[in-house]
């Protein structure tokens, strides 16, 4: 019974781990594909604009490191739009060149060509693609090691039981201390 519980619990763990990793990698790839499409569209149909940085920025502390977020504003056909950007240092100039999409001016990037290059590199990066399978394979190895230890324990229990039965058959009332 214990072995069945062990096998079932490990199988459920493996299945959930596999599905979680699959979901994560599919969501990441979908997001990258969408971002690549946006960058390509901006390169093809985008219009340049000059944005002006806000005079204040927001600073947050995440895990011991400080992150600064600064807003910027740009005008398209008399209407003002807003964006934000994570920065390490305050900008040297108060303006930022962006490219926006005429059909949706809220869609914009600072440098679509550079962004596209970065996104394509991320998509092609195979350094993390082995991680899901490594975790999955590692879980299977742990299962088989645990199973082996469990079966060895059961075999030892059977041997001890067999030795006790042999002593009982021989009529020996003084069995070794091991069985007490």
Protein backbone atom coordinates (compact mmCIF):
# COMPACT_ATOMS: atom_id res chain seq x y z
CA UNK A 1 0.00 0.00 0.00
CA UNK A 2 2.83 2.38 0.88
CA UNK A 3 4.46 1.73 -2.48
CA UNK A 4 1.25 2.63 -4.32
CA UNK A 5 0.97 5.88 -2.39
CA UNK A 6 4.61 6.66 -3.14
CA UNK A 7 4.18 5.96 -6.84
CA UNK A 8 0.92 7.92 -7.05
CA UNK A 9 2.29 10.95 -5.23
CA UNK A 10 5.43 11.06 -7.34
CA UNK A 11 3.43 10.60 -10.55
CA UNK A 12 1.13 13.48 -9.62
CA UNK A 13 4.15 15.65 -8.80
CA UNK A 14 5.79 14.84 -12.12
CA UNK A 15 2.64 15.49 -14.09
CA UNK A 16 2.01 18.81 -12.38
CA UNK A 17 5.63 19.85 -12.82
CA UNK A 18 5.54 18.99 -16.50
CA UNK A 19 2.27 20.86 -17.07
CA UNK A 20 3.49 23.90 -15.14
CA UNK A 21 6.71 24.10 -17.13
CA UNK A 22 4.82 23.57 -20.38
CA UNK A 23 2.40 26.35 -19.53
CA UNK A 24 5.25 28.71 -18.58
CA UNK A 25 7.24 28.09 -21.74
CA UNK A 26 4.15 28.42 -23.98
CA UNK A 27 3.14 31.69 -22.31
CA UNK A 28 6.68 33.05 -22.60
CA UNK A 29 6.91 32.12 -26.28
CA UNK A 30 3.50 33.63 -27.02
CA UNK A 31 4.48 36.88 -25.28
CA UNK A 32 7.76 37.02 -27.19
CA UNK A 33 5.95 36.43 -30.49
CA UNK A 34 3.51 39.26 -29.74
CA UNK A 35 6.36 41.63 -28.82
CA UNK A 36 8.26 40.67 -31.98
CA UNK A 37 5.17 41.41 -34.09
CA UNK A 38 4.80 44.84 -32.44
CA UNK A 39 8.47 45.70 -33.06
CA UNK A 40 8.22 44.57 -36.70
CA UNK A 41 5.03 46.59 -37.22
CA UNK A 42 6.65 49.68 -35.70
CA UNK A 43 9.67 49.26 -37.98
CA UNK A 44 7.40 49.01 -41.01
CA UNK A 45 4.61 51.47 -40.19
CA UNK A 46 5.87 53.50 -37.24
CA UNK A 47 6.21 57.28 -37.09
CA UNK A 48 8.94 59.06 -35.11
CA UNK A 49 8.11 61.41 -32.25
CA UNK A 50 10.00 63.21 -29.52
CA UNK A 51 8.96 62.49 -25.96
CA UNK A 52 9.75 64.68 -22.96
CA UNK A 53 10.75 63.11 -19.65
CA UNK A 54 8.80 63.95 -16.52
CA UNK A 55 10.71 65.91 -13.88
CA UNK A 56 10.17 63.25 -11.21
CA UNK A 57 10.73 59.53 -11.12
CA UNK A 58 9.57 56.65 -8.94
CA UNK A 59 12.16 54.61 -7.07
CA UNK A 60 11.46 51.14 -5.75
CA UNK A 61 13.68 48.72 -3.91
CA UNK A 62 13.47 45.10 -5.03
CA UNK A 63 15.71 42.56 -3.33
CA UNK A 64 18.29 45.07 -2.23
CA UNK A 65 18.65 46.88 -5.56
CA UNK A 66 17.03 50.18 -6.43
CA UNK A 67 15.00 50.58 -9.61
CA UNK A 68 14.00 53.95 -11.04
CA UNK A 69 10.97 54.36 -13.27
CA UNK A 70 10.50 57.62 -15.14
CA UNK A 71 7.49 58.69 -17.18
CA UNK A 72 7.63 60.51 -20.49
CA UNK A 73 5.03 62.24 -22.63
CA UNK A 74 4.64 62.64 -26.38
CA UNK A 75 2.10 64.31 -28.65
CA UNK A 76 0.41 62.81 -31.69
CA UNK A 77 -1.93 65.07 -33.67
CA UNK A 78 -2.48 67.34 -30.67
CA UNK A 79 -3.25 64.51 -28.23
CA UNK A 80 -0.84 63.66 -25.39
CA UNK A 81 0.27 60.09 -24.69
CA UNK A 82 2.33 58.67 -21.88
CA UNK A 83 4.96 56.00 -21.49
CA UNK A 84 7.45 54.94 -18.84
CA UNK A 85 10.93 53.55 -18.81
CA UNK A 86 13.18 51.88 -16.24
CA UNK A 87 16.43 53.78 -15.83
CA UNK A 88 19.69 53.32 -13.91
CA UNK A 89 20.69 56.97 -13.95
CA UNK A 90 18.78 60.14 -14.62
CA UNK A 91 18.69 60.95 -18.34
CA UNK A 92 21.36 63.35 -19.63
CA UNK A 93 18.84 65.08 -21.88
CA UNK A 94 15.17 65.86 -21.18
CA UNK A 95 13.95 64.27 -24.43
CA UNK A 96 13.62 60.77 -25.82
CA UNK A 97 13.12 59.71 -29.44
CA UNK A 98 10.38 57.13 -29.86
CA UNK A 99 8.48 55.45 -32.68
CA UNK A 100 4.70 55.08 -32.37
CA UNK A 101 2.06 53.27 -34.40
CA UNK A 102 -0.26 55.77 -36.18
CA UNK A 103 -3.26 53.44 -35.86
CA UNK A 104 -2.63 53.12 -32.08
CA UNK A 105 -0.31 55.83 -30.71
CA UNK A 106 -0.19 54.09 -27.32
CA UNK A 107 1.87 51.39 -29.03
CA UNK A 108 5.41 52.72 -29.13
CA UNK A 109 9.04 51.81 -28.55
CA UNK A 110 12.20 53.80 -28.05
CA UNK A 111 14.19 51.84 -30.62
CA UNK A 112 12.16 49.17 -32.48
CA UNK A 113 15.18 47.79 -34.37
CA UNK A 114 17.19 47.26 -31.18
CA UNK A 115 14.15 45.87 -29.38
CA UNK A 116 13.44 43.44 -32.24
CA UNK A 117 17.03 42.23 -32.21
CA UNK A 118 16.85 41.65 -28.44
CA UNK A 119 13.52 39.81 -28.66
CA UNK A 120 14.70 37.54 -31.47
CA UNK A 121 17.82 36.73 -29.44
CA UNK A 122 15.65 35.86 -26.42
CA UNK A 123 13.42 33.63 -28.53
CA UNK A 124 16.38 31.80 -30.03
CA UNK A 125 18.19 31.49 -26.71
CA UNK A 126 18.43 27.79 -26.03
CA UNK A 127 20.24 28.13 -22.70
CA UNK A 128 17.02 27.73 -20.67
CA UNK A 129 15.25 25.28 -22.97
CA UNK A 130 16.94 22.32 -21.26
CA UNK A 131 15.77 23.41 -17.81
CA UNK A 132 12.24 21.97 -18.01
CA UNK A 133 13.48 18.63 -19.28
CA UNK A 134 16.29 18.63 -16.74
CA UNK A 135 13.83 19.13 -13.90
CA UNK A 136 11.51 16.52 -15.33
CA UNK A 137 14.33 13.99 -15.79
CA UNK A 138 15.69 14.76 -12.33
CA UNK A 139 12.27 14.07 -10.81
CA UNK A 140 12.13 10.72 -12.56
CA UNK A 141 15.59 9.82 -11.25
CA UNK A 142 14.55 10.79 -7.71
CA UNK A 143 11.47 8.61 -8.07
CA UNK A 144 13.47 5.55 -9.10
CA UNK A 145 16.05 6.05 -6.35
CA UNK A 146 13.25 6.39 -3.77
CA UNK A 147 11.55 3.33 -5.20
CA UNK A 148 14.78 1.32 -5.02
CA UNK A 149 15.32 2.28 -1.38
CA UNK A 150 11.72 1.39 -0.57
CA UNK A 151 11.96 -1.99 -2.27
CA UNK A 152 15.26 -2.74 -0.49
CA UNK A 153 13.60 -1.94 2.84
CA UNK A 154 10.70 -4.25 2.01
CA UNK A 155 13.10 -7.03 0.98
CA UNK A 156 14.93 -6.70 4.30
CA UNK A 157 11.62 -6.89 6.17
CA UNK A 158 10.71 -10.05 4.25
CA UNK A 159 14.09 -11.62 5.04
CA UNK A 160 13.70 -10.83 8.73
CA UNK A 161 10.19 -12.29 8.69
CA UNK A 162 11.46 -15.41 6.95
CA UNK A 163 14.23 -15.84 9.52
CA UNK A 164 11.70 -15.48 12.34
CA UNK A 165 9.48 -18.14 10.74
CA UNK A 166 12.46 -20.48 10.37
CA UNK A 167 13.32 -20.07 14.04
CA UNK A 168 9.68 -20.68 14.94
CA UNK A 169 9.56 -23.86 12.80
CA UNK A 170 12.67 -25.24 14.45
CA UNK A 171 11.03 -24.72 17.81
CA UNK A 172 13.67 -22.43 19.10
CA UNK A 173 12.22 -20.28 21.80
CA UNK A 174 15.40 -18.28 22.18
CA UNK A 175 15.48 -16.35 18.96
CA UNK A 176 18.23 -13.77 18.52
CA UNK A 177 17.75 -10.29 20.02
CA UNK A 178 17.40 -8.92 16.53
CA UNK A 179 13.79 -10.10 16.40
CA UNK A 180 12.71 -8.71 19.76
